[in-house]
Amino acid sequence: MCLSGKEKLNAMLADVVGEISIKQKLIDELESSQKRLRAMRAHYEEKLCTLANKIRETELERDKVLANLGQCNTYAYKMERWRLVAGAFLRASIKEAMSHSLRMRSS
Protein backbone atom coordinates (compact mmCIF):
# COMPACT_ATOMS: atom_id res chain seq x y z
CA MET A 1 0.00 0.00 0.00
CA CYS A 2 1.47 3.30 -1.04
CA LEU A 3 1.03 6.33 1.19
CA SER A 4 0.78 9.83 -0.14
CA GLY A 5 3.20 12.50 1.01
CA LYS A 6 0.65 13.95 3.38
CA GLU A 7 -0.10 10.54 4.93
CA LYS A 8 3.61 9.89 5.36
CA LEU A 9 4.03 13.27 7.01
CA ASN A 10 1.08 12.58 9.33
CA ALA A 11 2.53 9.18 10.25
CA MET A 12 5.94 10.74 10.95
CA LEU A 13 4.30 13.47 13.01
CA ALA A 14 2.39 10.88 15.04
CA ASP A 15 5.68 9.04 15.69
CA VAL A 16 7.39 12.24 16.82
CA VAL A 17 4.48 13.15 19.09
CA GLY A 18 4.59 9.65 20.60
CA GLU A 19 8.34 9.90 21.18
CA ILE A 20 7.94 13.33 22.77
CA SER A 21 5.23 11.95 25.06
CA ILE A 22 7.46 9.06 26.15
CA LYS A 23 10.40 11.39 26.76
CA GLN A 24 8.20 13.78 28.75
CA LYS A 25 7.10 10.89 30.97
CA LEU A 26 10.74 9.91 31.48
CA ILE A 27 11.64 13.50 32.38
CA ASP A 28 8.73 13.64 34.86
CA GLU A 29 9.86 10.37 36.47
CA LEU A 30 13.45 11.63 36.68
CA GLU A 31 12.34 14.88 38.32
CA SER A 32 10.21 12.93 40.78
CA SER A 33 13.15 10.64 41.58
CA GLN A 34 15.44 13.61 42.11
CA LYS A 35 12.89 15.19 44.46
CA ARG A 36 12.64 11.96 46.49
CA LEU A 37 16.43 11.68 46.54
CA ARG A 38 16.79 15.24 47.87
CA ALA A 39 14.20 14.52 50.58
CA MET A 40 15.93 11.27 51.55
CA ARG A 41 19.30 13.00 51.65
CA ALA A 42 17.97 15.78 53.87
CA HIS A 43 16.38 13.20 56.17
CA TYR A 44 19.60 11.17 56.29
CA GLU A 45 21.74 14.24 57.01
CA GLU A 46 19.33 15.30 59.78
CA LYS A 47 19.50 11.83 61.36
CA LEU A 48 23.29 11.80 61.00
CA CYS A 49 23.52 15.16 62.75
CA THR A 50 21.22 13.92 65.53
CA LEU A 51 23.32 10.81 65.96
CA ALA A 52 26.54 12.87 66.07
CA ASN A 53 25.00 15.07 68.77
CA LYS A 54 23.95 12.01 70.78
CA ILE A 55 27.47 10.60 70.50
CA ARG A 56 28.91 13.91 71.69
CA GLU A 57 26.47 14.00 74.64
CA THR A 58 27.31 10.40 75.53
CA GLU A 59 31.03 11.12 75.38
CA LEU A 60 30.59 14.13 77.67
CA GLU A 61 28.55 12.04 80.09
CA ARG A 62 31.20 9.31 79.97
CA ASP A 63 33.96 11.84 80.64
CA LYS A 64 32.00 13.24 83.57
CA VAL A 65 31.49 9.78 85.04
CA LEU A 66 35.14 8.95 84.54
CA ALA A 67 36.12 12.19 86.25
CA ASN A 68 33.90 11.25 89.18
CA LEU A 69 35.52 7.83 89.23
CA GLY A 70 38.89 9.51 89.56
CA GLN A 71 37.75 11.01 92.86
CA CYS A 72 37.13 7.59 94.42
CA ASN A 73 39.80 6.29 96.81
CA THR A 74 40.09 2.54 96.30
CA TYR A 75 41.46 0.84 93.22
CA ALA A 76 38.89 -1.97 93.41
CA TYR A 77 36.04 0.54 93.62
CA LYS A 78 37.40 2.38 90.61
CA MET A 79 37.74 -0.80 88.59
CA GLU A 80 34.24 -2.02 89.44
CA ARG A 81 32.69 1.35 88.60
CA TRP A 82 34.68 1.47 85.35
CA ARG A 83 33.46 -2.01 84.43
CA LEU A 84 29.85 -1.03 85.13
CA VAL A 85 30.07 2.28 83.30
CA ALA A 86 31.87 0.78 80.31
CA GLY A 87 29.31 -2.03 80.10
CA ALA A 88 26.39 0.37 80.31
CA PHE A 89 27.98 2.65 77.72
CA LEU A 90 28.63 -0.27 75.37
CA ARG A 91 25.07 -1.59 75.74
CA ALA A 92 23.61 1.87 75.12
CA SER A 93 25.84 2.40 72.09
CA ILE A 94 24.89 -0.96 70.59
CA LYS A 95 21.20 -0.36 71.27
CA GLU A 96 21.35 3.08 69.64
CA ALA A 97 23.27 1.76 66.63
CA MET A 98 20.77 -1.06 66.13
CA SER A 99 17.84 1.30 66.55
CA HIS A 100 19.37 3.73 64.06
CA SER A 101 20.03 0.91 61.61
CA LEU A 102 16.41 -0.25 61.82
CA ARG A 103 15.13 3.30 61.33
CA MET A 104 17.38 3.80 58.30
CA ARG A 105 16.17 0.54 56.77
CA SER A 106 12.54 1.50 57.24
CA SER A 107 13.04 5.01 55.80
C-alpha atoms as a PDB file:
ATOM      1  CA  MET A   1       0.000   0.000   0.000  1.00  0.00           C
ATOM      2  CA  CYS A   2       1.466   3.304  -1.045  1.00  0.00           C
ATOM      3  CA  LEU A   3       1.028   6.326   1.192  1.00  0.00           C
ATOM      4  CA  SER A   4       0.776   9.832  -0.137  1.00  0.00           C
ATOM      5  CA  GLY A   5       3.198  12.499   1.011  1.00  0.00           C
ATOM      6  CA  LYS A   6       0.648  13.951   3.380  1.00  0.00           C
ATOM      7  CA  GLU A   7      -0.105  10.543   4.926  1.00  0.00           C
ATOM      8  CA  LYS A   8       3.607   9.889   5.361  1.00  0.00           C
ATOM      9  CA  LEU A   9       4.028  13.272   7.006  1.00  0.00           C
ATOM     10  CA  ASN A  10       1.079  12.584   9.330  1.00  0.00           C
ATOM     11  CA  ALA A  11       2.534   9.183  10.252  1.00  0.00           C
ATOM     12  CA  MET A  12       5.937  10.745  10.949  1.00  0.00           C
ATOM     13  CA  LEU A  13       4.299  13.474  13.008  1.00  0.00           C
ATOM     14  CA  ALA A  14       2.394  10.882  15.040  1.00  0.00           C
ATOM     15  CA  ASP A  15       5.683   9.038  15.691  1.00  0.00           C
ATOM     16  CA  VAL A  16       7.388  12.236  16.816  1.00  0.00           C
ATOM     17  CA  VAL A  17       4.484  13.153  19.095  1.00  0.00           C
ATOM     18  CA  GLY A  18       4.589   9.653  20.596  1.00  0.00           C
ATOM     19  CA  GLU A  19       8.335   9.896  21.182  1.00  0.00           C
ATOM     20  CA  ILE A  20       7.936  13.327  22.768  1.00  0.00           C
ATOM     21  CA  SER A  21       5.234  11.954  25.065  1.00  0.00           C
ATOM     22  CA  ILE A  22       7.457   9.056  26.151  1.00  0.00           C
ATOM     23  CA  LYS A  23      10.398  11.387  26.765  1.00  0.00           C
ATOM     24  CA  GLN A  24       8.203  13.780  28.752  1.00  0.00           C
ATOM     25  CA  LYS A  25       7.095  10.885  30.973  1.00  0.00           C
ATOM     26  CA  LEU A  26      10.741   9.910  31.483  1.00  0.00           C
ATOM     27  CA  ILE A  27      11.635  13.496  32.384  1.00  0.00           C
ATOM     28  CA  ASP A  28       8.729  13.636  34.864  1.00  0.00           C
ATOM     29  CA  GLU A  29       9.862  10.366  36.466  1.00  0.00           C
ATOM     30  CA  LEU A  30      13.449  11.631  36.679  1.00  0.00           C
ATOM     31  CA  GLU A  31      12.342  14.878  38.319  1.00  0.00           C
ATOM     32  CA  SER A  32      10.211  12.931  40.775  1.00  0.00           C
ATOM     33  CA  SER A  33      13.150  10.637  41.576  1.00  0.00           C
ATOM     34  CA  GLN A  34      15.439  13.612  42.113  1.00  0.00           C
ATOM     35  CA  LYS A  35      12.895  15.190  44.456  1.00  0.00           C
ATOM     36  CA  ARG A  36      12.642  11.958  46.490  1.00  0.00           C
ATOM     37  CA  LEU A  37      16.435  11.685  46.544  1.00  0.00           C
ATOM     38  CA  ARG A  38      16.788  15.237  47.873  1.00  0.00           C
ATOM     39  CA  ALA A  39      14.198  14.523  50.584  1.00  0.00           C
ATOM     40  CA  MET A  40      15.931  11.268  51.555  1.00  0.00           C
ATOM     41  CA  ARG A  41      19.303  13.004  51.652  1.00  0.00           C
ATOM     42  CA  ALA A  42      17.970  15.784  53.872  1.00  0.00           C
ATOM     43  CA  HIS A  43      16.381  13.200  56.166  1.00  0.00           C
ATOM     44  CA  TYR A  44      19.599  11.169  56.290  1.00  0.00           C
ATOM     45  CA  GLU A  45      21.737  14.243  57.010  1.00  0.00           C
ATOM     46  CA  GLU A  46      19.333  15.296  59.776  1.00  0.00           C
ATOM     47  CA  LYS A  47      19.499  11.832  61.356  1.00  0.00           C
ATOM     48  CA  LEU A  48      23.288  11.800  60.997  1.00  0.00           C
ATOM     49  CA  CYS A  49      23.521  15.161  62.751  1.00  0.00           C
ATOM     50  CA  THR A  50      21.218  13.922  65.528  1.00  0.00           C
ATOM     51  CA  LEU A  51      23.323  10.814  65.957  1.00  0.00           C
ATOM     52  CA  ALA A  52      26.537  12.866  66.066  1.00  0.00           C
ATOM     53  CA  ASN A  53      25.003  15.072  68.774  1.00  0.00           C
ATOM     54  CA  LYS A  54      23.948  12.012  70.783  1.00  0.00           C
ATOM     55  CA  ILE A  55      27.466  10.602  70.505  1.00  0.00           C
ATOM     56  CA  ARG A  56      28.906  13.910  71.687  1.00  0.00           C
ATOM     57  CA  GLU A  57      26.472  13.995  74.637  1.00  0.00           C
ATOM     58  CA  THR A  58      27.311  10.403  75.529  1.00  0.00           C
ATOM     59  CA  GLU A  59      31.028  11.121  75.382  1.00  0.00           C
ATOM     60  CA  LEU A  60      30.586  14.130  77.670  1.00  0.00           C
ATOM     61  CA  GLU A  61      28.553  12.036  80.089  1.00  0.00           C
ATOM     62  CA  ARG A  62      31.200   9.312  79.965  1.00  0.00           C
ATOM     63  CA  ASP A  63      33.962  11.838  80.641  1.00  0.00           C
ATOM     64  CA  LYS A  64      32.002  13.240  83.565  1.00  0.00           C
ATOM     65  CA  VAL A  65      31.486   9.782  85.040  1.00  0.00           C
ATOM     66  CA  LEU A  66      35.143   8.948  84.537  1.00  0.00           C
ATOM     67  CA  ALA A  67      36.123  12.185  86.251  1.00  0.00           C
ATOM     68  CA  ASN A  68      33.899  11.246  89.180  1.00  0.00           C
ATOM     69  CA  LEU A  69      35.518   7.830  89.231  1.00  0.00           C
ATOM     70  CA  GLY A  70      38.894   9.515  89.559  1.00  0.00           C
ATOM     71  CA  GLN A  71      37.749  11.009  92.857  1.00  0.00           C
ATOM     72  CA  CYS A  72      37.134   7.591  94.420  1.00  0.00           C
ATOM     73  CA  ASN A  73      39.802   6.286  96.805  1.00  0.00           C
ATOM     74  CA  THR A  74      40.092   2.543  96.299  1.00  0.00           C
ATOM     75  CA  TYR A  75      41.457   0.838  93.217  1.00  0.00           C
ATOM     76  CA  ALA A  76      38.889  -1.971  93.406  1.00  0.00           C
ATOM     77  CA  TYR A  77      36.040   0.536  93.615  1.00  0.00           C
ATOM     78  CA  LYS A  78      37.399   2.383  90.605  1.00  0.00           C
ATOM     79  CA  MET A  79      37.736  -0.802  88.586  1.00  0.00           C
ATOM     80  CA  GLU A  80      34.243  -2.020  89.441  1.00  0.00           C
ATOM     81  CA  ARG A  81      32.690   1.350  88.600  1.00  0.00           C
ATOM     82  CA  TRP A  82      34.679   1.472  85.354  1.00  0.00           C
ATOM     83  CA  ARG A  83      33.461  -2.010  84.429  1.00  0.00           C
ATOM     84  CA  LEU A  84      29.847  -1.031  85.133  1.00  0.00           C
ATOM     85  CA  VAL A  85      30.073   2.282  83.300  1.00  0.00           C
ATOM     86  CA  ALA A  86      31.866   0.785  80.306  1.00  0.00           C
ATOM     87  CA  GLY A  87      29.307  -2.030  80.103  1.00  0.00           C
ATOM     88  CA  ALA A  88      26.390   0.368  80.305  1.00  0.00           C
ATOM     89  CA  PHE A  89      27.982   2.646  77.718  1.00  0.00           C
ATOM     90  CA  LEU A  90      28.629  -0.268  75.366  1.00  0.00           C
ATOM     91  CA  ARG A  91      25.070  -1.593  75.738  1.00  0.00           C
ATOM     92  CA  ALA A  92      23.609   1.874  75.123  1.00  0.00           C
ATOM     93  CA  SER A  93      25.836   2.398  72.088  1.00  0.00           C
ATOM     94  CA  ILE A  94      24.888  -0.962  70.586  1.00  0.00           C
ATOM     95  CA  LYS A  95      21.203  -0.364  71.268  1.00  0.00           C
ATOM     96  CA  GLU A  96      21.350   3.084  69.644  1.00  0.00           C
ATOM     97  CA  ALA A  97      23.266   1.756  66.627  1.00  0.00           C
ATOM     98  CA  MET A  98      20.773  -1.065  66.134  1.00  0.00           C
ATOM     99  CA  SER A  99      17.836   1.300  66.548  1.00  0.00           C
ATOM    100  CA  HIS A 100      19.367   3.732  64.065  1.00  0.00           C
ATOM    101  CA  SER A 101      20.026   0.913  61.610  1.00  0.00           C
ATOM    102  CA  LEU A 102      16.410  -0.254  61.820  1.00  0.00           C
ATOM    103  CA  ARG A 103      15.128   3.299  61.332  1.00  0.00           C
ATOM    104  CA  MET A 104      17.379   3.801  58.296  1.00  0.00           C
ATOM    105  CA  ARG A 105      16.167   0.541  56.770  1.00  0.00           C
ATOM    106  CA  SER A 106      12.536   1.499  57.240  1.00  0.00           C
ATOM    107  CA  SER A 107      13.039   5.010  55.798  1.00  0.00           C
END
